[in-house]
Amino acid sequence: MSQEAYDQFYKADVDYYIQQEGLSVQEMLQGTFIDEEFLHIRKSSTFKLGTGLSLAYRYKENAALRLYCDYDFASPRLTYDLKNSWADEDGNREVRSYSKRTPMHNFTFGASIAFMF
């Protein structure tokens, strides 16, 4: 990032953060900061569709091999609350929320051996 871009977009916020936290520039650059409230995802109820296919082959009197494939689909409406803005003087943050349907496709493949007694 260029010095001009840093000065224009970030310098005031970084200086304010350093002042509020009582840090030196060196401590801030070497520290690791974790914001546990960065993103919150709210879900809604939805329905789920699923189907599958299973093939079994008996290769011995007491043993069988099975191959299967399952497919599940759901499309819940998820709301993403982004809390990645700087806090103001009172410690409040601007929360930006986005809501959209998120299609989810789930394939499961597998094999098994069954021993029958």
PDB file of N, CA and C in Angstrom:
ATOM      1  N   MET A   1       0.849  -1.161   0.000  1.00  0.00           N
ATOM      2  CA  MET A   1       0.000   0.000   0.000  1.00  0.00           C
ATOM      3  C   MET A   1       0.900   1.231   0.000  1.00  0.00           C
ATOM      4  N   SER A   2       0.490   2.207  -0.752  1.00  0.00           N
ATOM      5  CA  SER A   2       1.292   3.427  -0.841  1.00  0.00           C
ATOM      6  C   SER A   2       1.094   4.276   0.414  1.00  0.00           C
ATOM      7  N   GLN A   3       2.063   5.123   0.684  1.00  0.00           N
ATOM      8  CA  GLN A   3       1.986   6.012   1.839  1.00  0.00           C
ATOM      9  C   GLN A   3       0.810   6.981   1.691  1.00  0.00           C
ATOM     10  N   GLU A   4       0.550   7.413   0.466  1.00  0.00           N
ATOM     11  CA  GLU A   4      -0.565   8.338   0.235  1.00  0.00           C
ATOM     12  C   GLU A   4      -1.896   7.669   0.573  1.00  0.00           C
ATOM     13  N   ALA A   5      -2.080   6.417   0.137  1.00  0.00           N
ATOM     14  CA  ALA A   5      -3.323   5.690   0.433  1.00  0.00           C
ATOM     15  C   ALA A   5      -3.457   5.452   1.931  1.00  0.00           C
ATOM     16  N   TYR A   6      -2.359   5.090   2.590  1.00  0.00           N
ATOM     17  CA  TYR A   6      -2.398   4.879   4.044  1.00  0.00           C
ATOM     18  C   TYR A   6      -2.797   6.167   4.754  1.00  0.00           C
ATOM     19  N   ASP A   7      -2.159   7.278   4.383  1.00  0.00           N
ATOM     20  CA  ASP A   7      -2.466   8.556   5.021  1.00  0.00           C
ATOM     21  C   ASP A   7      -3.914   8.965   4.788  1.00  0.00           C
ATOM     22  N   GLN A   8      -4.425   8.702   3.597  1.00  0.00           N
ATOM     23  CA  GLN A   8      -5.784   9.124   3.251  1.00  0.00           C
ATOM     24  C   GLN A   8      -6.849   8.274   3.921  1.00  0.00           C
ATOM     25  N   PHE A   9      -6.662   6.936   3.948  1.00  0.00           N
ATOM     26  CA  PHE A   9      -7.738   6.045   4.376  1.00  0.00           C
ATOM     27  C   PHE A   9      -7.565   5.437   5.768  1.00  0.00           C
ATOM     28  N   TYR A  10      -6.351   5.243   6.249  1.00  0.00           N
ATOM     29  CA  TYR A  10      -6.147   4.460   7.471  1.00  0.00           C
ATOM     30  C   TYR A  10      -5.487   5.206   8.626  1.00  0.00           C
ATOM     31  N   LYS A  11      -4.659   6.180   8.358  1.00  0.00           N
ATOM     32  CA  LYS A  11      -3.830   6.788   9.391  1.00  0.00           C
ATOM     33  C   LYS A  11      -4.649   7.312  10.574  1.00  0.00           C
ATOM     34  N   ALA A  12      -5.715   8.028  10.326  1.00  0.00           N
ATOM     35  CA  ALA A  12      -6.512   8.602  11.425  1.00  0.00           C
ATOM     36  C   ALA A  12      -7.098   7.496  12.306  1.00  0.00           C
ATOM     37  N   ASP A  13      -7.605   6.419  11.702  1.00  0.00           N
ATOM     38  CA  ASP A  13      -8.177   5.328  12.487  1.00  0.00           C
ATOM     39  C   ASP A  13      -7.108   4.591  13.291  1.00  0.00           C
ATOM     40  N   VAL A  14      -5.946   4.340  12.682  1.00  0.00           N
ATOM     41  CA  VAL A  14      -4.871   3.636  13.390  1.00  0.00           C
ATOM     42  C   VAL A  14      -4.366   4.484  14.548  1.00  0.00           C
ATOM     43  N   ASP A  15      -4.170   5.772  14.321  1.00  0.00           N
ATOM     44  CA  ASP A  15      -3.719   6.654  15.395  1.00  0.00           C
ATOM     45  C   ASP A  15      -4.726   6.691  16.540  1.00  0.00           C
ATOM     46  N   TYR A  16      -5.997   6.744  16.203  1.00  0.00           N
ATOM     47  CA  TYR A  16      -7.045   6.751  17.232  1.00  0.00           C
ATOM     48  C   TYR A  16      -7.017   5.436  18.029  1.00  0.00           C
ATOM     49  N   TYR A  17      -6.862   4.298  17.344  1.00  0.00           N
ATOM     50  CA  TYR A  17      -6.822   3.002  18.015  1.00  0.00           C
ATOM     51  C   TYR A  17      -5.614   2.913  18.952  1.00  0.00           C
ATOM     52  N   ILE A  18      -4.465   3.353  18.484  1.00  0.00           N
ATOM     53  CA  ILE A  18      -3.256   3.322  19.319  1.00  0.00           C
ATOM     54  C   ILE A  18      -3.468   4.160  20.575  1.00  0.00           C
ATOM     55  N   GLN A  19      -4.058   5.337  20.410  1.00  0.00           N
ATOM     56  CA  GLN A  19      -4.312   6.217  21.548  1.00  0.00           C
ATOM     57  C   GLN A  19      -5.294   5.584  22.535  1.00  0.00           C
ATOM     58  N   GLN A  20      -6.371   4.991  22.055  1.00  0.00           N
ATOM     59  CA  GLN A  20      -7.388   4.394  22.918  1.00  0.00           C
ATOM     60  C   GLN A  20      -6.851   3.193  23.688  1.00  0.00           C
ATOM     61  N   GLU A  21      -6.018   2.390  23.042  1.00  0.00           N
ATOM     62  CA  GLU A  21      -5.502   1.180  23.673  1.00  0.00           C
ATOM     63  C   GLU A  21      -4.234   1.421  24.481  1.00  0.00           C
ATOM     64  N   GLY A  22      -3.649   2.601  24.358  1.00  0.00           N
ATOM     65  CA  GLY A  22      -2.424   2.899  25.096  1.00  0.00           C
ATOM     66  C   GLY A  22      -1.237   2.096  24.593  1.00  0.00           C
ATOM     67  N   LEU A  23      -1.164   1.869  23.305  1.00  0.00           N
ATOM     68  CA  LEU A  23      -0.096   1.071  22.715  1.00  0.00           C
ATOM     69  C   LEU A  23       0.923   1.957  22.028  1.00  0.00           C
ATOM     70  N   SER A  24       2.130   1.428  21.893  1.00  0.00           N
ATOM     71  CA  SER A  24       3.104   2.077  21.021  1.00  0.00           C
ATOM     72  C   SER A  24       2.936   1.476  19.625  1.00  0.00           C
ATOM     73  N   VAL A  25       3.509   2.124  18.635  1.00  0.00           N
ATOM     74  CA  VAL A  25       3.421   1.618  17.262  1.00  0.00           C
ATOM     75  C   VAL A  25       4.076   0.239  17.183  1.00  0.00           C
ATOM     76  N   GLN A  26       5.189   0.054  17.871  1.00  0.00           N
ATOM     77  CA  GLN A  26       5.898  -1.223  17.867  1.00  0.00           C
ATOM     78  C   GLN A  26       5.041  -2.334  18.479  1.00  0.00           C
ATOM     79  N   GLU A  27       4.368  -2.058  19.594  1.00  0.00           N
ATOM     80  CA  GLU A  27       3.496  -3.053  20.228  1.00  0.00           C
ATOM     81  C   GLU A  27       2.336  -3.431  19.310  1.00  0.00           C
ATOM     82  N   MET A  28       1.790  -2.442  18.624  1.00  0.00           N
ATOM     83  CA  MET A  28       0.678  -2.728  17.724  1.00  0.00           C
ATOM     84  C   MET A  28       1.123  -3.599  16.546  1.00  0.00           C
ATOM     85  N   LEU A  29       2.284  -3.312  15.985  1.00  0.00           N
ATOM     86  CA  LEU A  29       2.763  -4.077  14.832  1.00  0.00           C
ATOM     87  C   LEU A  29       3.142  -5.510  15.203  1.00  0.00           C
ATOM     88  N   GLN A  30       3.603  -5.725  16.442  1.00  0.00           N
ATOM     89  CA  GLN A  30       4.007  -7.062  16.862  1.00  0.00           C
ATOM     90  C   GLN A  30       2.890  -7.841  17.527  1.00  0.00           C
ATOM     91  N   GLY A  31       1.809  -7.192  17.876  1.00  0.00           N
ATOM     92  CA  GLY A  31       0.724  -7.852  18.588  1.00  0.00           C
ATOM     93  C   GLY A  31      -0.234  -8.541  17.645  1.00  0.00           C
ATOM     94  N   THR A  32      -1.000  -9.448  18.203  1.00  0.00           N
ATOM     95  CA  THR A  32      -2.073 -10.119  17.486  1.00  0.00           C
ATOM     96  C   THR A  32      -3.375  -9.719  18.136  1.00  0.00           C
ATOM     97  N   PHE A  33      -4.279  -9.205  17.336  1.00  0.00           N
ATOM     98  CA  PHE A  33      -5.550  -8.749  17.851  1.00  0.00           C
ATOM     99  C   PHE A  33      -6.653  -9.598  17.274  1.00  0.00           C
ATOM    100  N   ILE A  34      -7.500 -10.118  18.124  1.00  0.00           N
ATOM    101  CA  ILE A  34      -8.598 -10.973  17.684  1.00  0.00           C
ATOM    102  C   ILE A  34      -9.903 -10.287  18.049  1.00  0.00           C
ATOM    103  N   ASP A  35     -10.735 -10.120  17.057  1.00  0.00           N
ATOM    104  CA  ASP A  35     -12.046  -9.524  17.281  1.00  0.00           C
ATOM    105  C   ASP A  35     -13.066 -10.646  17.182  1.00  0.00           C
ATOM    106  N   GLU A  36     -13.571 -11.104  18.313  1.00  0.00           N
ATOM    107  CA  GLU A  36     -14.495 -12.234  18.335  1.00  0.00           C
ATOM    108  C   GLU A  36     -15.856 -11.876  17.756  1.00  0.00           C
ATOM    109  N   GLU A  37     -16.159 -10.606  17.658  1.00  0.00           N
ATOM    110  CA  GLU A  37     -17.444 -10.168  17.142  1.00  0.00           C
ATOM    111  C   GLU A  37     -17.324  -9.661  15.707  1.00  0.00           C
ATOM    112  N   PHE A  38     -16.438 -10.211  14.915  1.00  0.00           N
ATOM    113  CA  PHE A  38     -16.229  -9.751  13.537  1.00  0.00           C
ATOM    114  C   PHE A  38     -17.425 -10.046  12.645  1.00  0.00           C
ATOM    115  N   LEU A  39     -17.971 -11.253  12.730  1.00  0.00           N
ATOM    116  CA  LEU A  39     -19.058 -11.670  11.860  1.00  0.00           C
ATOM    117  C   LEU A  39     -20.021 -12.548  12.639  1.00  0.00           C
ATOM    118  N   HIS A  40     -21.297 -12.273  12.464  1.00  0.00           N
ATOM    119  CA  HIS A  40     -22.335 -13.105  13.066  1.00  0.00           C
ATOM    120  C   HIS A  40     -23.291 -13.502  11.954  1.00  0.00           C
ATOM    121  N   ILE A  41     -23.604 -14.789  11.847  1.00  0.00           N
ATOM    122  CA  ILE A  41     -24.492 -15.281  10.802  1.00  0.00           C
ATOM    123  C   ILE A  41     -25.778 -15.779  11.454  1.00  0.00           C
ATOM    124  N   ARG A  42     -26.896 -15.193  11.018  1.00  0.00           N
ATOM    125  CA  ARG A  42     -28.207 -15.634  11.506  1.00  0.00           C
ATOM    126  C   ARG A  42     -28.851 -16.482  10.425  1.00  0.00           C
ATOM    127  N   LYS A  43     -29.480 -17.575  10.822  1.00  0.00           N
ATOM    128  CA  LYS A  43     -30.102 -18.492   9.867  1.00  0.00           C
ATOM    129  C   LYS A  43     -31.614 -18.419   9.995  1.00  0.00           C
ATOM    130  N   SER A  44     -32.275 -18.904   8.969  1.00  0.00           N
ATOM    131  CA  SER A  44     -33.732 -19.026   9.013  1.00  0.00           C
ATOM    132  C   SER A  44     -34.068 -20.493   8.759  1.00  0.00           C
ATOM    133  N   SER A  45     -35.282 -20.861   9.051  1.00  0.00           N
ATOM    134  CA  SER A  45     -35.668 -22.252   8.807  1.00  0.00           C
ATOM    135  C   SER A  45     -35.876 -22.452   7.306  1.00  0.00           C
ATOM    136  N   THR A  46     -35.622 -23.649   6.862  1.00  0.00           N
ATOM    137  CA  THR A  46     -35.753 -23.975   5.447  1.00  0.00           C
ATOM    138  C   THR A  46     -36.047 -25.462   5.323  1.00  0.00           C
ATOM    139  N   PHE A  47     -36.387 -25.884   4.134  1.00  0.00           N
ATOM    140  CA  PHE A  47     -36.588 -27.307   3.916  1.00  0.00           C
ATOM    141  C   PHE A  47     -35.367 -27.878   3.205  1.00  0.00           C
ATOM    142  N   LYS A  48     -35.230 -29.196   3.298  1.00  0.00           N
ATOM    143  CA  LYS A  48     -34.076 -29.881   2.733  1.00  0.00           C
ATOM    144  C   LYS A  48     -34.583 -31.028   1.883  1.00  0.00           C
ATOM    145  N   LEU A  49     -34.058 -31.139   0.675  1.00  0.00           N
ATOM    146  CA  LEU A  49     -34.396 -32.238  -0.220  1.00  0.00           C
ATOM    147  C   LEU A  49     -33.210 -33.175  -0.312  1.00  0.00           C
ATOM    148  N   GLY A  50     -33.492 -34.449  -0.389  1.00  0.00           N
ATOM    149  CA  GLY A  50     -32.400 -35.406  -0.493  1.00  0.00           C
ATOM    150  C   GLY A  50     -32.800 -36.639  -1.269  1.00  0.00           C
ATOM    151  N   THR A  51     -31.825 -37.228  -1.890  1.00  0.00           N
ATOM    152  CA  THR A  51     -32.034 -38.474  -2.618  1.00  0.00           C
ATOM    153  C   THR A  51     -30.738 -39.276  -2.558  1.00  0.00           C
ATOM    154  N   GLY A  52     -30.816 -40.515  -2.921  1.00  0.00           N
ATOM    155  CA  GLY A  52     -29.615 -41.339  -2.871  1.00  0.00           C
ATOM    156  C   GLY A  52     -29.740 -42.602  -3.692  1.00  0.00           C
ATOM    157  N   LEU A  53     -28.611 -43.241  -3.861  1.00  0.00           N
ATOM    158  CA  LEU A  53     -28.533 -44.485  -4.617  1.00  0.00           C
ATOM    159  C   LEU A  53     -27.585 -45.412  -3.871  1.00  0.00           C
ATOM    160  N   SER A  54     -27.988 -46.665  -3.746  1.00  0.00           N
ATOM    161  CA  SER A  54     -27.164 -47.639  -3.051  1.00  0.00           C
ATOM    162  C   SER A  54     -27.164 -48.942  -3.841  1.00  0.00           C
ATOM    163  N   LEU A  55     -25.981 -49.489  -4.032  1.00  0.00           N
ATOM    164  CA  LEU A  55     -25.829 -50.770  -4.729  1.00  0.00           C
ATOM    165  C   LEU A  55     -25.128 -51.747  -3.795  1.00  0.00           C
ATOM    166  N   ALA A  56     -25.691 -52.945  -3.654  1.00  0.00           N
ATOM    167  CA  ALA A  56     -25.086 -53.975  -2.804  1.00  0.00           C
ATOM    168  C   ALA A  56     -24.797 -55.208  -3.658  1.00  0.00           C
ATOM    169  N   TYR A  57     -23.627 -55.819  -3.422  1.00  0.00           N
ATOM    170  CA  TYR A  57     -23.225 -57.009  -4.146  1.00  0.00           C
ATOM    171  C   TYR A  57     -22.778 -58.055  -3.125  1.00  0.00           C
ATOM    172  N   ARG A  58     -23.422 -59.183  -3.144  1.00  0.00           N
ATOM    173  CA  ARG A  58     -23.067 -60.271  -2.235  1.00  0.00           C
ATOM    174  C   ARG A  58     -21.966 -61.086  -2.914  1.00  0.00           C
ATOM    175  N   TYR A  59     -20.752 -60.979  -2.405  1.00  0.00           N
ATOM    176  CA  TYR A  59     -19.640 -61.677  -3.041  1.00  0.00           C
ATOM    177  C   TYR A  59     -19.245 -62.955  -2.325  1.00  0.00           C
ATOM    178  N   LYS A  60     -19.737 -63.187  -1.122  1.00  0.00           N
ATOM    179  CA  LYS A  60     -19.569 -64.456  -0.406  1.00  0.00           C
ATOM    180  C   LYS A  60     -20.881 -64.748   0.301  1.00  0.00           C
ATOM    181  N   GLU A  61     -20.978 -65.929   0.874  1.00  0.00           N
ATOM    182  CA  GLU A  61     -22.227 -66.320   1.533  1.00  0.00           C
ATOM    183  C   GLU A  61     -22.583 -65.392   2.689  1.00  0.00           C
ATOM    184  N   ASN A  62     -21.591 -64.955   3.462  1.00  0.00           N
ATOM    185  CA  ASN A  62     -21.854 -64.125   4.642  1.00  0.00           C
ATOM    186  C   ASN A  62     -21.282 -62.713   4.513  1.00  0.00           C
ATOM    187  N   ALA A  63     -20.981 -62.238   3.313  1.00  0.00           N
ATOM    188  CA  ALA A  63     -20.379 -60.913   3.158  1.00  0.00           C
ATOM    189  C   ALA A  63     -20.942 -60.208   1.915  1.00  0.00           C
ATOM    190  N   ALA A  64     -21.075 -58.908   2.040  1.00  0.00           N
ATOM    191  CA  ALA A  64     -21.576 -58.109   0.923  1.00  0.00           C
ATOM    192  C   ALA A  64     -20.817 -56.785   0.869  1.00  0.00           C
ATOM    193  N   LEU A  65     -20.668 -56.276  -0.333  1.00  0.00           N
ATOM    194  CA  LEU A  65     -20.029 -54.985  -0.558  1.00  0.00           C
ATOM    195  C   LEU A  65     -21.119 -53.997  -0.973  1.00  0.00           C
ATOM    196  N   ARG A  66     -21.089 -52.800  -0.410  1.00  0.00           N
ATOM    197  CA  ARG A  66     -22.115 -51.802  -0.728  1.00  0.00           C
ATOM    198  C   ARG A  66     -21.431 -50.505  -1.141  1.00  0.00           C
ATOM    199  N   LEU A  67     -21.892 -49.894  -2.229  1.00  0.00           N
ATOM    200  CA  LEU A  67     -21.470 -48.571  -2.684  1.00  0.00           C
ATOM    201  C   LEU A  67     -22.692 -47.661  -2.626  1.00  0.00           C
ATOM    202  N   TYR A  68     -22.499 -46.436  -2.194  1.00  0.00           N
ATOM    203  CA  TYR A  68     -23.649 -45.540  -2.106  1.00  0.00           C
ATOM    204  C   TYR A  68     -23.249 -44.109  -2.453  1.00  0.00           C
ATOM    205  N   CYS A  69     -24.259 -43.350  -2.865  1.00  0.00           N
ATOM    206  CA  CYS A  69     -24.109 -41.940  -3.186  1.00  0.00           C
ATOM    207  C   CYS A  69     -25.389 -41.241  -2.737  1.00  0.00           C
ATOM    208  N   ASP A  70     -25.253 -40.170  -1.975  1.00  0.00           N
ATOM    209  CA  ASP A  70     -26.395 -39.387  -1.506  1.00  0.00           C
ATOM    210  C   ASP A  70     -26.212 -37.940  -1.931  1.00  0.00           C
ATOM    211  N   TYR A  71     -27.326 -37.272  -2.201  1.00  0.00           N
ATOM    212  CA  TYR A  71     -27.314 -35.857  -2.547  1.00  0.00           C
ATOM    213  C   TYR A  71     -28.373 -35.146  -1.715  1.00  0.00           C
ATOM    214  N   ASP A  72     -27.982 -34.053  -1.072  1.00  0.00           N
ATOM    215  CA  ASP A  72     -28.899 -33.231  -0.281  1.00  0.00           C
ATOM    216  C   ASP A  72     -28.805 -31.789  -0.762  1.00  0.00           C
ATOM    217  N   PHE A  73     -29.941 -31.094  -0.762  1.00  0.00           N
ATOM    218  CA  PHE A  73     -29.983 -29.695  -1.171  1.00  0.00           C
ATOM    219  C   PHE A  73     -30.815 -28.899  -0.169  1.00  0.00           C
ATOM    220  N   ALA A  74     -30.308 -27.728   0.199  1.00  0.00           N
ATOM    221  CA  ALA A  74     -31.037 -26.783   1.051  1.00  0.00           C
ATOM    222  C   ALA A  74     -30.679 -25.374   0.587  1.00  0.00           C
ATOM    223  N   SER A  75     -31.604 -24.457   0.768  1.00  0.00           N
ATOM    224  CA  SER A  75     -31.363 -23.070   0.370  1.00  0.00           C
ATOM    225  C   SER A  75     -31.887 -22.123   1.447  1.00  0.00           C
ATOM    226  N   PRO A  76     -31.191 -22.054   2.588  1.00  0.00           N
ATOM    227  CA  PRO A  76     -31.670 -21.174   3.661  1.00  0.00           C
ATOM    228  C   PRO A  76     -31.358 -19.710   3.371  1.00  0.00           C
ATOM    229  N   ARG A  77     -32.143 -18.829   3.955  1.00  0.00           N
ATOM    230  CA  ARG A  77     -31.844 -17.395   3.887  1.00  0.00           C
ATOM    231  C   ARG A  77     -30.945 -17.083   5.077  1.00  0.00           C
ATOM    232  N   LEU A  78     -29.720 -16.656   4.783  1.00  0.00           N
ATOM    233  CA  LEU A  78     -28.756 -16.325   5.823  1.00  0.00           C
ATOM    234  C   LEU A  78     -28.591 -14.813   5.884  1.00  0.00           C
ATOM    235  N   THR A  79     -28.472 -14.293   7.097  1.00  0.00           N
ATOM    236  CA  THR A  79     -28.225 -12.874   7.297  1.00  0.00           C
ATOM    237  C   THR A  79     -26.832 -12.736   7.900  1.00  0.00           C
ATOM    238  N   TYR A  80     -25.980 -11.998   7.214  1.00  0.00           N
ATOM    239  CA  TYR A  80     -24.598 -11.791   7.638  1.00  0.00           C
ATOM    240  C   TYR A  80     -24.500 -10.412   8.294  1.00  0.00           C
ATOM    241  N   ASP A  81     -24.168 -10.381   9.575  1.00  0.00           N
ATOM    242  CA  ASP A  81     -23.960  -9.128  10.296  1.00  0.00           C
ATOM    243  C   ASP A  81     -22.454  -8.890  10.386  1.00  0.00           C
ATOM    244  N   LEU A  82     -21.948  -7.928   9.612  1.00  0.00           N
ATOM    245  CA  LEU A  82     -20.521  -7.600   9.612  1.00  0.00           C
ATOM    246  C   LEU A  82     -20.259  -6.504  10.627  1.00  0.00           C
ATOM    247  N   LYS A  83     -19.355  -6.792  11.550  1.00  0.00           N
ATOM    248  CA  LYS A  83     -19.023  -5.843  12.605  1.00  0.00           C
ATOM    249  C   LYS A  83     -17.543  -5.480  12.516  1.00  0.00           C
ATOM    250  N   ASN A  84     -17.088  -5.202  11.290  1.00  0.00           N
ATOM    251  CA  ASN A  84     -15.660  -4.977  11.086  1.00  0.00           C
ATOM    252  C   ASN A  84     -15.298  -3.501  10.979  1.00  0.00           C
ATOM    253  N   SER A  85     -16.148  -2.626  11.464  1.00  0.00           N
ATOM    254  CA  SER A  85     -15.820  -1.204  11.436  1.00  0.00           C
ATOM    255  C   SER A  85     -15.157  -0.808  12.755  1.00  0.00           C
ATOM    256  N   TRP A  86     -14.521   0.340  12.761  1.00  0.00           N
ATOM    257  CA  TRP A  86     -13.887   0.829  13.975  1.00  0.00           C
ATOM    258  C   TRP A  86     -14.961   1.284  14.954  1.00  0.00           C
ATOM    259  N   ALA A  87     -14.679   1.162  16.234  1.00  0.00           N
ATOM    260  CA  ALA A  87     -15.611   1.623  17.266  1.00  0.00           C
ATOM    261  C   ALA A  87     -15.515   3.144  17.400  1.00  0.00           C
ATOM    262  N   ASP A  88     -16.643   3.770  17.724  1.00  0.00           N
ATOM    263  CA  ASP A  88     -16.620   5.215  17.952  1.00  0.00           C
ATOM    264  C   ASP A  88     -16.191   5.506  19.388  1.00  0.00           C
ATOM    265  N   GLU A  89     -16.307   6.766  19.814  1.00  0.00           N
ATOM    266  CA  GLU A  89     -15.844   7.173  21.147  1.00  0.00           C
ATOM    267  C   GLU A  89     -16.562   6.429  22.265  1.00  0.00           C
ATOM    268  N   ASP A  90     -17.819   6.027  22.022  1.00  0.00           N
ATOM    269  CA  ASP A  90     -18.600   5.323  23.042  1.00  0.00           C
ATOM    270  C   ASP A  90     -18.448   3.810  22.974  1.00  0.00           C
ATOM    271  N   GLY A  91     -17.633   3.309  22.057  1.00  0.00           N
ATOM    272  CA  GLY A  91     -17.433   1.875  21.915  1.00  0.00           C
ATOM    273  C   GLY A  91     -18.456   1.197  21.022  1.00  0.00           C
ATOM    274  N   ASN A  92     -19.295   1.973  20.347  1.00  0.00           N
ATOM    275  CA  ASN A  92     -20.304   1.398  19.449  1.00  0.00           C
ATOM    276  C   ASN A  92     -19.721   1.194  18.059  1.00  0.00           C
ATOM    277  N   ARG A  93     -20.209   0.157  17.392  1.00  0.00           N
ATOM    278  CA  ARG A  93     -19.767  -0.146  16.029  1.00  0.00           C
ATOM    279  C   ARG A  93     -20.944  -0.111  15.086  1.00  0.00           C
ATOM    280  N   GLU A  94     -20.686   0.313  13.879  1.00  0.00           N
ATOM    281  CA  GLU A  94     -21.712   0.265  12.842  1.00  0.00           C
ATOM    282  C   GLU A  94     -21.793  -1.173  12.335  1.00  0.00           C
ATOM    283  N   VAL A  95     -22.984  -1.744  12.359  1.00  0.00           N
ATOM    284  CA  VAL A  95     -23.182  -3.116  11.897  1.00  0.00           C
ATOM    285  C   VAL A  95     -23.841  -3.065  10.523  1.00  0.00           C
ATOM    286  N   ARG A  96     -23.194  -3.701   9.551  1.00  0.00           N
ATOM    287  CA  ARG A  96     -23.776  -3.793   8.215  1.00  0.00           C
ATOM    288  C   ARG A  96     -24.318  -5.194   8.042  1.00  0.00           C
ATOM    289  N   SER A  97     -25.568  -5.291   7.622  1.00  0.00           N
ATOM    290  CA  SER A  97     -26.218  -6.591   7.467  1.00  0.00           C
ATOM    291  C   SER A  97     -26.546  -6.841   6.005  1.00  0.00           C
ATOM    292  N   TYR A  98     -26.305  -8.068   5.579  1.00  0.00           N
ATOM    293  CA  TYR A  98     -26.640  -8.514   4.240  1.00  0.00           C
ATOM    294  C   TYR A  98     -27.425  -9.808   4.373  1.00  0.00           C
ATOM    295  N   SER A  99     -28.482  -9.935   3.599  1.00  0.00           N
ATOM    296  CA  SER A  99     -29.313 -11.129   3.654  1.00  0.00           C
ATOM    297  C   SER A  99     -29.448 -11.690   2.259  1.00  0.00           C
ATOM    298  N   LYS A 100     -29.246 -13.007   2.129  1.00  0.00           N
ATOM    299  CA  LYS A 100     -29.394 -13.646   0.831  1.00  0.00           C
ATOM    300  C   LYS A 100     -29.622 -15.134   0.996  1.00  0.00           C
ATOM    301  N   ARG A 101     -30.238 -15.724  -0.015  1.00  0.00           N
ATOM    302  CA  ARG A 101     -30.387 -17.184  -0.050  1.00  0.00           C
ATOM    303  C   ARG A 101     -29.045 -17.791  -0.429  1.00  0.00           C
ATOM    304  N   THR A 102     -28.675 -18.816   0.299  1.00  0.00           N
ATOM    305  CA  THR A 102     -27.391 -19.465   0.061  1.00  0.00           C
ATOM    306  C   THR A 102     -27.637 -20.927  -0.271  1.00  0.00           C
ATOM    307  N   PRO A 103     -27.569 -21.304  -1.563  1.00  0.00           N
ATOM    308  CA  PRO A 103     -27.792 -22.708  -1.905  1.00  0.00           C
ATOM    309  C   PRO A 103     -26.654 -23.583  -1.387  1.00  0.00           C
ATOM    310  N   MET A 104     -27.030 -24.706  -0.806  1.00  0.00           N
ATOM    311  CA  MET A 104     -26.045 -25.646  -0.258  1.00  0.00           C
ATOM    312  C   MET A 104     -26.272 -27.019  -0.884  1.00  0.00           C
ATOM    313  N   HIS A 105     -25.259 -27.525  -1.553  1.00  0.00           N
ATOM    314  CA  HIS A 105     -25.298 -28.835  -2.185  1.00  0.00           C
ATOM    315  C   HIS A 105     -24.348 -29.751  -1.413  1.00  0.00           C
ATOM    316  N   ASN A 106     -24.831 -30.927  -1.030  1.00  0.00           N
ATOM    317  CA  ASN A 106     -24.016 -31.844  -0.247  1.00  0.00           C
ATOM    318  C   ASN A 106     -24.049 -33.218  -0.903  1.00  0.00           C
ATOM    319  N   PHE A 107     -22.888 -33.669  -1.380  1.00  0.00           N
ATOM    320  CA  PHE A 107     -22.749 -35.009  -1.946  1.00  0.00           C
ATOM    321  C   PHE A 107     -22.009 -35.884  -0.943  1.00  0.00           C
ATOM    322  N   THR A 108     -22.472 -37.115  -0.794  1.00  0.00           N
ATOM    323  CA  THR A 108     -21.814 -38.084   0.067  1.00  0.00           C
ATOM    324  C   THR A 108     -21.592 -39.358  -0.745  1.00  0.00           C
ATOM    325  N   PHE A 109     -20.346 -39.797  -0.807  1.00  0.00           N
ATOM    326  CA  PHE A 109     -19.987 -41.030  -1.475  1.00  0.00           C
ATOM    327  C   PHE A 109     -19.382 -41.960  -0.450  1.00  0.00           C
ATOM    328  N   GLY A 110     -19.631 -43.250  -0.597  1.00  0.00           N
ATOM    329  CA  GLY A 110     -19.037 -44.168   0.362  1.00  0.00           C
ATOM    330  C   GLY A 110     -19.129 -45.617  -0.074  1.00  0.00           C
ATOM    331  N   ALA A 111     -18.462 -46.430   0.685  1.00  0.00           N
ATOM    332  CA  ALA A 111     -18.458 -47.874   0.461  1.00  0.00           C
ATOM    333  C   ALA A 111     -18.425 -48.561   1.814  1.00  0.00           C
ATOM    334  N   SER A 112     -18.988 -49.755   1.854  1.00  0.00           N
ATOM    335  CA  SER A 112     -18.957 -50.507   3.102  1.00  0.00           C
ATOM    336  C   SER A 112     -18.958 -52.000   2.794  1.00  0.00           C
ATOM    337  N   ILE A 113     -18.486 -52.750   3.755  1.00  0.00           N
ATOM    338  CA  ILE A 113     -18.532 -54.213   3.686  1.00  0.00           C
ATOM    339  C   ILE A 113     -19.372 -54.682   4.860  1.00  0.00           C
ATOM    340  N   ALA A 114     -20.348 -55.520   4.585  1.00  0.00           N
ATOM    341  CA  ALA A 114     -21.227 -56.043   5.621  1.00  0.00           C
ATOM    342  C   ALA A 114     -20.967 -57.544   5.784  1.00  0.00           C
ATOM    343  N   PHE A 115     -20.718 -57.939   7.028  1.00  0.00           N
ATOM    344  CA  PHE A 115     -20.563 -59.365   7.347  1.00  0.00           C
ATOM    345  C   PHE A 115     -21.805 -59.814   8.084  1.00  0.00           C
ATOM    346  N   MET A 116     -22.431 -60.876   7.597  1.00  0.00           N
ATOM    347  CA  MET A 116     -23.680 -61.369   8.182  1.00  0.00           C
ATOM    348  C   MET A 116     -23.444 -62.706   8.856  1.00  0.00           C
ATOM    349  N   PHE A 117     -23.948 -62.827  10.045  1.00  0.00           N
ATOM    350  CA  PHE A 117     -23.761 -64.079  10.814  1.00  0.00           C
ATOM    351  C   PHE A 117     -25.079 -64.762  11.021  1.00  0.00           C
TER     352      PHE A 117
END
